[in-house]
N, C-alpha and C. Protein backbone atom coordinates (compact mmCIF):
# COMPACT_ATOMS: atom_id res chain seq x y z
N MET A 1 -94.80 -58.24 -114.13
CA MET A 1 -93.76 -57.25 -114.23
C MET A 1 -94.35 -55.90 -113.81
N GLU A 2 -93.58 -55.17 -113.02
CA GLU A 2 -94.02 -53.84 -112.59
C GLU A 2 -93.37 -52.79 -113.50
N VAL A 3 -94.20 -51.81 -113.94
CA VAL A 3 -93.72 -50.75 -114.81
C VAL A 3 -94.21 -49.40 -114.28
N ILE A 4 -93.52 -48.35 -114.72
CA ILE A 4 -93.93 -46.99 -114.41
C ILE A 4 -94.53 -46.41 -115.69
N LEU A 5 -95.77 -45.98 -115.62
CA LEU A 5 -96.43 -45.44 -116.80
C LEU A 5 -95.94 -44.03 -117.11
N LYS A 6 -95.58 -43.79 -118.36
CA LYS A 6 -95.13 -42.47 -118.79
C LYS A 6 -96.29 -41.64 -119.31
N GLN A 7 -97.36 -42.31 -119.75
CA GLN A 7 -98.56 -41.65 -120.24
C GLN A 7 -99.78 -42.37 -119.67
N ASP A 8 -100.94 -41.73 -119.74
CA ASP A 8 -102.17 -42.38 -119.30
C ASP A 8 -102.49 -43.53 -120.25
N VAL A 9 -102.85 -44.69 -119.69
CA VAL A 9 -103.22 -45.85 -120.49
C VAL A 9 -104.59 -46.30 -120.00
N ASP A 10 -105.54 -46.42 -120.93
CA ASP A 10 -106.90 -46.83 -120.57
C ASP A 10 -106.90 -48.17 -119.84
N LYS A 11 -107.67 -48.25 -118.80
CA LYS A 11 -107.89 -49.45 -117.99
C LYS A 11 -106.64 -49.93 -117.26
N ILE A 12 -105.52 -49.18 -117.34
CA ILE A 12 -104.30 -49.57 -116.64
C ILE A 12 -103.97 -48.56 -115.56
N GLY A 13 -103.85 -47.29 -115.93
CA GLY A 13 -103.55 -46.28 -114.93
C GLY A 13 -103.15 -44.95 -115.55
N LYS A 14 -102.87 -44.00 -114.68
CA LYS A 14 -102.49 -42.65 -115.10
C LYS A 14 -100.96 -42.55 -115.20
N ALA A 15 -100.50 -41.48 -115.84
CA ALA A 15 -99.07 -41.24 -115.99
C ALA A 15 -98.42 -41.11 -114.62
N GLY A 16 -97.27 -41.74 -114.44
CA GLY A 16 -96.55 -41.68 -113.19
C GLY A 16 -96.91 -42.79 -112.21
N ALA A 17 -97.91 -43.57 -112.51
CA ALA A 17 -98.33 -44.64 -111.61
C ALA A 17 -97.46 -45.88 -111.81
N VAL A 18 -97.23 -46.59 -110.72
CA VAL A 18 -96.52 -47.87 -110.77
C VAL A 18 -97.58 -48.96 -110.79
N VAL A 19 -97.60 -49.74 -111.87
CA VAL A 19 -98.62 -50.79 -112.02
C VAL A 19 -97.97 -52.13 -112.33
N LYS A 20 -98.68 -53.17 -111.99
CA LYS A 20 -98.21 -54.52 -112.28
C LYS A 20 -99.02 -55.05 -113.47
N VAL A 21 -98.30 -55.43 -114.53
CA VAL A 21 -98.94 -55.96 -115.74
C VAL A 21 -98.25 -57.26 -116.12
N LYS A 22 -98.85 -57.98 -117.06
CA LYS A 22 -98.25 -59.22 -117.53
C LYS A 22 -96.96 -58.90 -118.29
N ASP A 23 -96.00 -59.80 -118.19
CA ASP A 23 -94.68 -59.59 -118.81
C ASP A 23 -94.78 -59.32 -120.31
N GLY A 24 -95.56 -60.09 -121.02
CA GLY A 24 -95.68 -59.94 -122.47
C GLY A 24 -96.29 -58.60 -122.85
N TYR A 25 -97.28 -58.15 -122.09
CA TYR A 25 -97.94 -56.87 -122.38
C TYR A 25 -96.94 -55.72 -122.20
N ALA A 26 -96.12 -55.83 -121.17
CA ALA A 26 -95.12 -54.79 -120.92
C ALA A 26 -94.04 -54.81 -121.99
N ARG A 27 -93.48 -56.00 -122.28
CA ARG A 27 -92.38 -56.11 -123.24
C ARG A 27 -92.80 -55.86 -124.68
N ASN A 28 -94.01 -56.27 -125.05
CA ASN A 28 -94.44 -56.19 -126.45
C ASN A 28 -95.25 -54.95 -126.79
N PHE A 29 -95.86 -54.30 -125.80
CA PHE A 29 -96.71 -53.16 -126.13
C PHE A 29 -96.32 -51.88 -125.38
N LEU A 30 -96.33 -51.93 -124.05
CA LEU A 30 -96.12 -50.70 -123.28
C LEU A 30 -94.73 -50.09 -123.47
N ILE A 31 -93.70 -50.88 -123.30
CA ILE A 31 -92.33 -50.36 -123.38
C ILE A 31 -91.95 -49.96 -124.81
N PRO A 32 -92.20 -50.79 -125.85
CA PRO A 32 -91.83 -50.38 -127.21
C PRO A 32 -92.58 -49.12 -127.70
N ASN A 33 -93.81 -48.91 -127.25
CA ASN A 33 -94.59 -47.75 -127.66
C ASN A 33 -94.32 -46.53 -126.81
N GLY A 34 -93.41 -46.63 -125.86
CA GLY A 34 -93.05 -45.49 -125.03
C GLY A 34 -94.10 -45.12 -124.01
N LEU A 35 -94.97 -46.05 -123.68
CA LEU A 35 -96.02 -45.77 -122.71
C LEU A 35 -95.56 -46.05 -121.28
N ALA A 36 -94.50 -46.85 -121.13
CA ALA A 36 -94.04 -47.22 -119.80
C ALA A 36 -92.56 -47.54 -119.82
N VAL A 37 -91.96 -47.57 -118.63
CA VAL A 37 -90.57 -48.00 -118.46
C VAL A 37 -90.56 -49.03 -117.33
N PRO A 38 -89.60 -49.96 -117.36
CA PRO A 38 -89.53 -50.95 -116.28
C PRO A 38 -89.28 -50.28 -114.93
N LEU A 39 -89.79 -50.89 -113.88
CA LEU A 39 -89.60 -50.37 -112.52
C LEU A 39 -88.19 -50.73 -112.04
N THR A 40 -87.32 -49.73 -112.03
CA THR A 40 -85.98 -49.89 -111.48
C THR A 40 -85.74 -48.72 -110.55
N SER A 41 -84.71 -48.81 -109.74
CA SER A 41 -84.43 -47.73 -108.80
C SER A 41 -84.09 -46.44 -109.55
N GLY A 42 -83.38 -46.54 -110.67
CA GLY A 42 -83.03 -45.37 -111.47
C GLY A 42 -84.25 -44.70 -112.08
N ASN A 43 -85.15 -45.53 -112.63
CA ASN A 43 -86.37 -44.99 -113.23
C ASN A 43 -87.28 -44.40 -112.17
N LEU A 44 -87.31 -45.01 -110.99
CA LEU A 44 -88.11 -44.49 -109.88
C LEU A 44 -87.58 -43.14 -109.43
N LYS A 45 -86.25 -43.01 -109.37
CA LYS A 45 -85.63 -41.75 -108.98
C LYS A 45 -85.94 -40.66 -110.02
N THR A 46 -85.86 -41.03 -111.29
CA THR A 46 -86.18 -40.09 -112.37
C THR A 46 -87.63 -39.63 -112.26
N LEU A 47 -88.53 -40.56 -111.95
CA LEU A 47 -89.95 -40.23 -111.79
C LEU A 47 -90.15 -39.22 -110.67
N GLU A 48 -89.48 -39.43 -109.54
CA GLU A 48 -89.60 -38.51 -108.41
C GLU A 48 -89.05 -37.13 -108.76
N GLU A 49 -87.93 -37.08 -109.48
CA GLU A 49 -87.36 -35.80 -109.91
C GLU A 49 -88.32 -35.05 -110.83
N GLU A 50 -88.97 -35.78 -111.75
CA GLU A 50 -89.92 -35.16 -112.67
C GLU A 50 -91.13 -34.62 -111.90
N ARG A 51 -91.60 -35.37 -110.92
CA ARG A 51 -92.73 -34.91 -110.09
C ARG A 51 -92.36 -33.64 -109.35
N LEU A 52 -91.16 -33.62 -108.77
CA LEU A 52 -90.70 -32.45 -108.03
C LEU A 52 -90.58 -31.24 -108.96
N LYS A 53 -90.02 -31.46 -110.14
CA LYS A 53 -89.86 -30.38 -111.11
C LYS A 53 -91.23 -29.85 -111.55
N LYS A 54 -92.18 -30.76 -111.74
CA LYS A 54 -93.52 -30.37 -112.18
C LYS A 54 -94.24 -29.56 -111.09
N THR A 55 -94.10 -29.97 -109.83
CA THR A 55 -94.75 -29.23 -108.75
C THR A 55 -94.12 -27.85 -108.58
N GLN A 56 -92.80 -27.76 -108.75
CA GLN A 56 -92.14 -26.45 -108.66
C GLN A 56 -92.62 -25.54 -109.79
N GLN A 57 -92.77 -26.10 -110.98
CA GLN A 57 -93.24 -25.31 -112.11
C GLN A 57 -94.68 -24.85 -111.87
N GLN A 58 -95.53 -25.72 -111.31
CA GLN A 58 -96.90 -25.34 -111.01
C GLN A 58 -96.96 -24.23 -109.97
N GLU A 59 -96.10 -24.31 -108.96
CA GLU A 59 -96.05 -23.26 -107.94
C GLU A 59 -95.63 -21.92 -108.55
N LYS A 60 -94.67 -21.97 -109.46
CA LYS A 60 -94.21 -20.75 -110.12
C LYS A 60 -95.34 -20.13 -110.94
N LEU A 61 -96.06 -20.97 -111.70
CA LEU A 61 -97.18 -20.48 -112.49
C LEU A 61 -98.28 -19.90 -111.61
N LYS A 62 -98.48 -20.53 -110.45
CA LYS A 62 -99.53 -20.07 -109.53
C LYS A 62 -99.16 -18.70 -108.95
N LYS A 63 -97.89 -18.50 -108.60
CA LYS A 63 -97.45 -17.20 -108.08
C LYS A 63 -97.59 -16.11 -109.13
N GLU A 64 -97.23 -16.43 -110.38
CA GLU A 64 -97.38 -15.46 -111.47
C GLU A 64 -98.85 -15.11 -111.68
N ALA A 65 -99.73 -16.11 -111.57
CA ALA A 65 -101.16 -15.87 -111.74
C ALA A 65 -101.70 -15.01 -110.60
N GLU A 66 -101.21 -15.21 -109.39
CA GLU A 66 -101.63 -14.38 -108.24
C GLU A 66 -101.22 -12.93 -108.46
N ALA A 67 -100.00 -12.71 -108.96
CA ALA A 67 -99.54 -11.35 -109.22
C ALA A 67 -100.38 -10.70 -110.32
N LEU A 68 -100.69 -11.45 -111.35
CA LEU A 68 -101.51 -10.94 -112.44
C LEU A 68 -102.93 -10.65 -111.97
N LYS A 69 -103.44 -11.47 -111.06
CA LYS A 69 -104.79 -11.27 -110.52
C LYS A 69 -104.87 -9.93 -109.79
N SER A 70 -103.87 -9.62 -108.98
CA SER A 70 -103.92 -8.36 -108.23
C SER A 70 -103.85 -7.16 -109.18
N ARG A 71 -103.10 -7.28 -110.29
CA ARG A 71 -103.03 -6.19 -111.25
C ARG A 71 -104.31 -6.08 -112.07
N LEU A 72 -104.90 -7.23 -112.44
CA LEU A 72 -106.11 -7.23 -113.26
C LEU A 72 -107.33 -6.72 -112.50
N SER A 73 -107.42 -7.02 -111.21
CA SER A 73 -108.60 -6.60 -110.46
C SER A 73 -108.66 -5.09 -110.30
N ALA A 74 -107.56 -4.39 -110.53
CA ALA A 74 -107.55 -2.93 -110.46
C ALA A 74 -107.88 -2.29 -111.81
N VAL A 75 -108.01 -3.10 -112.86
CA VAL A 75 -108.24 -2.58 -114.20
C VAL A 75 -109.74 -2.40 -114.44
N SER A 76 -110.06 -1.29 -115.11
CA SER A 76 -111.43 -1.03 -115.53
C SER A 76 -111.37 -0.71 -117.02
N LEU A 77 -111.99 -1.55 -117.83
CA LEU A 77 -111.97 -1.37 -119.28
C LEU A 77 -113.19 -0.59 -119.75
N THR A 78 -112.98 0.29 -120.72
CA THR A 78 -114.09 1.00 -121.34
C THR A 78 -114.09 0.62 -122.81
N ILE A 79 -115.20 0.04 -123.25
CA ILE A 79 -115.32 -0.40 -124.64
C ILE A 79 -116.46 0.37 -125.29
N PRO A 80 -116.14 1.25 -126.26
CA PRO A 80 -117.21 1.98 -126.96
C PRO A 80 -117.86 1.07 -128.00
N ALA A 81 -119.19 1.22 -128.14
CA ALA A 81 -119.91 0.38 -129.09
C ALA A 81 -121.03 1.18 -129.75
N LEU A 82 -121.33 0.85 -130.99
CA LEU A 82 -122.45 1.47 -131.68
C LEU A 82 -123.75 0.93 -131.11
N ILE A 83 -124.73 1.82 -130.95
CA ILE A 83 -125.99 1.35 -130.38
C ILE A 83 -127.15 1.72 -131.29
N GLN A 84 -128.24 1.00 -131.13
CA GLN A 84 -129.47 1.36 -131.80
C GLN A 84 -130.42 1.90 -130.73
N GLU A 85 -131.66 1.93 -130.99
CA GLU A 85 -132.62 2.45 -130.02
C GLU A 85 -132.67 1.56 -128.78
N GLU A 86 -133.08 2.12 -127.68
CA GLU A 86 -133.25 1.42 -126.40
C GLU A 86 -131.94 0.85 -125.85
N ASP A 87 -130.84 1.51 -126.14
CA ASP A 87 -129.52 1.13 -125.61
C ASP A 87 -129.11 -0.30 -125.91
N LYS A 88 -129.55 -0.83 -127.04
CA LYS A 88 -129.10 -2.15 -127.47
C LYS A 88 -127.95 -1.98 -128.46
N LEU A 89 -127.02 -2.88 -128.42
CA LEU A 89 -125.86 -2.80 -129.31
C LEU A 89 -126.21 -3.34 -130.70
N TYR A 90 -125.55 -2.80 -131.72
CA TYR A 90 -125.72 -3.34 -133.07
C TYR A 90 -125.18 -4.77 -133.14
N GLY A 91 -124.03 -4.97 -132.60
CA GLY A 91 -123.44 -6.31 -132.57
C GLY A 91 -123.47 -6.80 -131.13
N SER A 92 -122.38 -7.35 -130.70
CA SER A 92 -122.24 -7.74 -129.29
C SER A 92 -120.77 -7.67 -128.93
N ILE A 93 -120.51 -7.61 -127.65
CA ILE A 93 -119.14 -7.59 -127.15
C ILE A 93 -118.82 -9.02 -126.72
N SER A 94 -117.81 -9.60 -127.36
CA SER A 94 -117.45 -11.00 -127.09
C SER A 94 -116.17 -11.07 -126.26
N ALA A 95 -115.77 -12.28 -125.94
CA ALA A 95 -114.53 -12.50 -125.20
C ALA A 95 -113.33 -12.01 -126.01
N GLN A 96 -113.40 -12.11 -127.32
CA GLN A 96 -112.32 -11.63 -128.19
C GLN A 96 -112.17 -10.12 -128.05
N ASP A 97 -113.28 -9.38 -127.99
CA ASP A 97 -113.22 -7.92 -127.84
C ASP A 97 -112.61 -7.54 -126.49
N ILE A 98 -112.97 -8.26 -125.46
CA ILE A 98 -112.43 -7.99 -124.12
C ILE A 98 -110.94 -8.32 -124.09
N SER A 99 -110.55 -9.41 -124.73
CA SER A 99 -109.14 -9.79 -124.80
C SER A 99 -108.34 -8.73 -125.53
N THR A 100 -108.89 -8.18 -126.61
CA THR A 100 -108.21 -7.12 -127.37
C THR A 100 -108.06 -5.86 -126.52
N ALA A 101 -109.11 -5.51 -125.77
CA ALA A 101 -109.05 -4.33 -124.91
C ALA A 101 -108.02 -4.53 -123.79
N LEU A 102 -107.92 -5.74 -123.27
CA LEU A 102 -106.91 -6.02 -122.24
C LEU A 102 -105.51 -5.93 -122.84
N LYS A 103 -105.35 -6.37 -124.08
CA LYS A 103 -104.05 -6.30 -124.74
C LYS A 103 -103.62 -4.85 -124.91
N GLU A 104 -104.58 -3.98 -125.21
CA GLU A 104 -104.28 -2.55 -125.35
C GLU A 104 -103.85 -1.94 -124.02
N GLU A 105 -104.32 -2.52 -122.91
CA GLU A 105 -103.94 -2.05 -121.58
C GLU A 105 -102.61 -2.67 -121.12
N GLY A 106 -102.09 -3.62 -121.89
CA GLY A 106 -100.80 -4.22 -121.57
C GLY A 106 -100.88 -5.58 -120.90
N PHE A 107 -102.03 -6.25 -120.97
CA PHE A 107 -102.20 -7.58 -120.37
C PHE A 107 -102.38 -8.61 -121.47
N GLU A 108 -101.56 -9.65 -121.45
CA GLU A 108 -101.69 -10.73 -122.42
C GLU A 108 -102.62 -11.80 -121.82
N VAL A 109 -103.88 -11.80 -122.24
CA VAL A 109 -104.85 -12.77 -121.75
C VAL A 109 -105.50 -13.43 -122.95
N ASP A 110 -105.50 -14.75 -122.96
CA ASP A 110 -106.10 -15.50 -124.05
C ASP A 110 -107.62 -15.35 -123.99
N LYS A 111 -108.26 -15.30 -125.15
CA LYS A 111 -109.72 -15.13 -125.18
C LYS A 111 -110.44 -16.32 -124.54
N ASN A 112 -109.82 -17.49 -124.56
CA ASN A 112 -110.44 -18.67 -123.96
C ASN A 112 -110.42 -18.62 -122.44
N ALA A 113 -109.58 -17.76 -121.87
CA ALA A 113 -109.52 -17.64 -120.41
C ALA A 113 -110.61 -16.73 -119.87
N ILE A 114 -111.28 -16.00 -120.75
CA ILE A 114 -112.34 -15.09 -120.32
C ILE A 114 -113.64 -15.87 -120.25
N ASP A 115 -114.23 -15.94 -119.05
CA ASP A 115 -115.46 -16.72 -118.82
C ASP A 115 -116.69 -15.86 -119.05
N LEU A 116 -116.98 -15.59 -120.29
CA LEU A 116 -118.16 -14.82 -120.64
C LEU A 116 -119.24 -15.82 -121.03
N GLU A 117 -120.30 -15.92 -120.21
CA GLU A 117 -121.33 -16.93 -120.46
C GLU A 117 -122.01 -16.71 -121.81
N GLU A 118 -122.34 -15.45 -122.10
CA GLU A 118 -122.89 -15.10 -123.40
C GLU A 118 -122.42 -13.70 -123.74
N PRO A 119 -122.35 -13.38 -125.02
CA PRO A 119 -121.86 -12.04 -125.41
C PRO A 119 -122.71 -10.93 -124.80
N ILE A 120 -122.06 -9.79 -124.54
CA ILE A 120 -122.74 -8.65 -123.95
C ILE A 120 -123.48 -7.91 -125.06
N LYS A 121 -124.78 -7.63 -124.85
CA LYS A 121 -125.61 -7.05 -125.90
C LYS A 121 -126.27 -5.74 -125.49
N ALA A 122 -125.86 -5.16 -124.35
CA ALA A 122 -126.48 -3.91 -123.90
C ALA A 122 -125.42 -3.05 -123.22
N LEU A 123 -125.71 -1.75 -123.14
CA LEU A 123 -124.82 -0.84 -122.43
C LEU A 123 -124.85 -1.16 -120.94
N GLY A 124 -123.77 -0.82 -120.24
CA GLY A 124 -123.76 -1.04 -118.81
C GLY A 124 -122.38 -1.37 -118.28
N ILE A 125 -122.38 -1.73 -117.01
CA ILE A 125 -121.14 -2.11 -116.33
C ILE A 125 -121.23 -3.60 -116.03
N TYR A 126 -120.21 -4.33 -116.41
CA TYR A 126 -120.21 -5.78 -116.22
C TYR A 126 -118.93 -6.20 -115.51
N GLU A 127 -119.04 -7.21 -114.68
CA GLU A 127 -117.87 -7.80 -114.05
C GLU A 127 -117.63 -9.14 -114.73
N VAL A 128 -116.50 -9.23 -115.42
CA VAL A 128 -116.20 -10.40 -116.23
C VAL A 128 -115.09 -11.21 -115.56
N PRO A 129 -115.34 -12.49 -115.26
CA PRO A 129 -114.29 -13.33 -114.67
C PRO A 129 -113.26 -13.77 -115.71
N VAL A 130 -111.99 -13.77 -115.30
CA VAL A 130 -110.89 -14.20 -116.16
C VAL A 130 -110.13 -15.30 -115.44
N ARG A 131 -110.10 -16.50 -116.04
CA ARG A 131 -109.40 -17.65 -115.47
C ARG A 131 -107.91 -17.54 -115.75
N LEU A 132 -107.11 -17.39 -114.71
CA LEU A 132 -105.67 -17.25 -114.87
C LEU A 132 -104.94 -18.56 -114.59
N HIS A 133 -105.51 -19.38 -113.73
CA HIS A 133 -104.93 -20.66 -113.33
C HIS A 133 -106.11 -21.55 -112.97
N THR A 134 -105.88 -22.82 -112.75
CA THR A 134 -107.00 -23.72 -112.47
C THR A 134 -107.83 -23.27 -111.26
N ASP A 135 -107.20 -22.68 -110.26
CA ASP A 135 -107.94 -22.25 -109.08
C ASP A 135 -107.77 -20.76 -108.78
N ILE A 136 -107.37 -19.97 -109.77
CA ILE A 136 -107.23 -18.52 -109.59
C ILE A 136 -108.03 -17.82 -110.69
N THR A 137 -109.00 -17.00 -110.25
CA THR A 137 -109.83 -16.26 -111.19
C THR A 137 -109.85 -14.80 -110.78
N ALA A 138 -109.58 -13.93 -111.73
CA ALA A 138 -109.64 -12.49 -111.48
C ALA A 138 -110.94 -11.95 -112.07
N THR A 139 -111.38 -10.80 -111.56
CA THR A 139 -112.58 -10.16 -112.07
C THR A 139 -112.20 -8.81 -112.65
N VAL A 140 -112.60 -8.59 -113.90
CA VAL A 140 -112.31 -7.34 -114.59
C VAL A 140 -113.62 -6.58 -114.78
N LYS A 141 -113.61 -5.30 -114.46
CA LYS A 141 -114.79 -4.47 -114.64
C LYS A 141 -114.77 -3.93 -116.07
N VAL A 142 -115.87 -4.15 -116.81
CA VAL A 142 -115.95 -3.73 -118.20
C VAL A 142 -117.14 -2.77 -118.33
N TRP A 143 -116.85 -1.57 -118.85
CA TRP A 143 -117.86 -0.55 -119.09
C TRP A 143 -118.17 -0.55 -120.58
N ILE A 144 -119.41 -0.76 -120.95
CA ILE A 144 -119.83 -0.67 -122.34
C ILE A 144 -120.53 0.68 -122.50
N VAL A 145 -119.94 1.55 -123.33
CA VAL A 145 -120.47 2.91 -123.49
C VAL A 145 -120.82 3.19 -124.95
N LYS A 146 -121.59 4.28 -125.14
CA LYS A 146 -121.99 4.73 -126.47
C LYS A 146 -120.80 5.24 -127.25
N LYS A 147 -120.73 4.92 -128.52
CA LYS A 147 -119.64 5.41 -129.37
C LYS A 147 -119.97 6.79 -129.90
C-alpha cells in the first residue's frame, strides 16, 4: 500500500514523502496514529497545496529577514559596562545583554539568534553576527564602553 507521510517516520521516510509499506503496517499503525494518509488523488492534491503554501510562507519570511538585515547592519549599539583595572569588565556582555540593547533600539531579536561564541569580557568594538533566517545573517556593531 502506498501512503503519504504526514510526519517523519524513522527508517520509512520524511514528511511529505510517498512511500510503499505493507498493508497491515499502514492500516494498523501509520494511519491510526496520524503519521500517514492513503495515497489518493485528493490527498496528493492536498499535499501539493501544503507544499506550495509552505514555500510561499518561507519566501515571505525570507523577504522580511532581508529587510531586517538591511536595517540591522546600519545599527551601532553602545553598551556601558563597569570595568576593573586593565580595561577588563567586572562581568561580561552576553547575548541576552545585546538582545536587550537591540530591543531598546526597537528591534525584536531573540537572544538565541545572536551568534556570540563567548561572552565579551573587555572594552572595544565588536561585530556580532545575528541569525535572522537559515541563510540570512546580519552583523551588528557593538561598542563596549566605560560606565
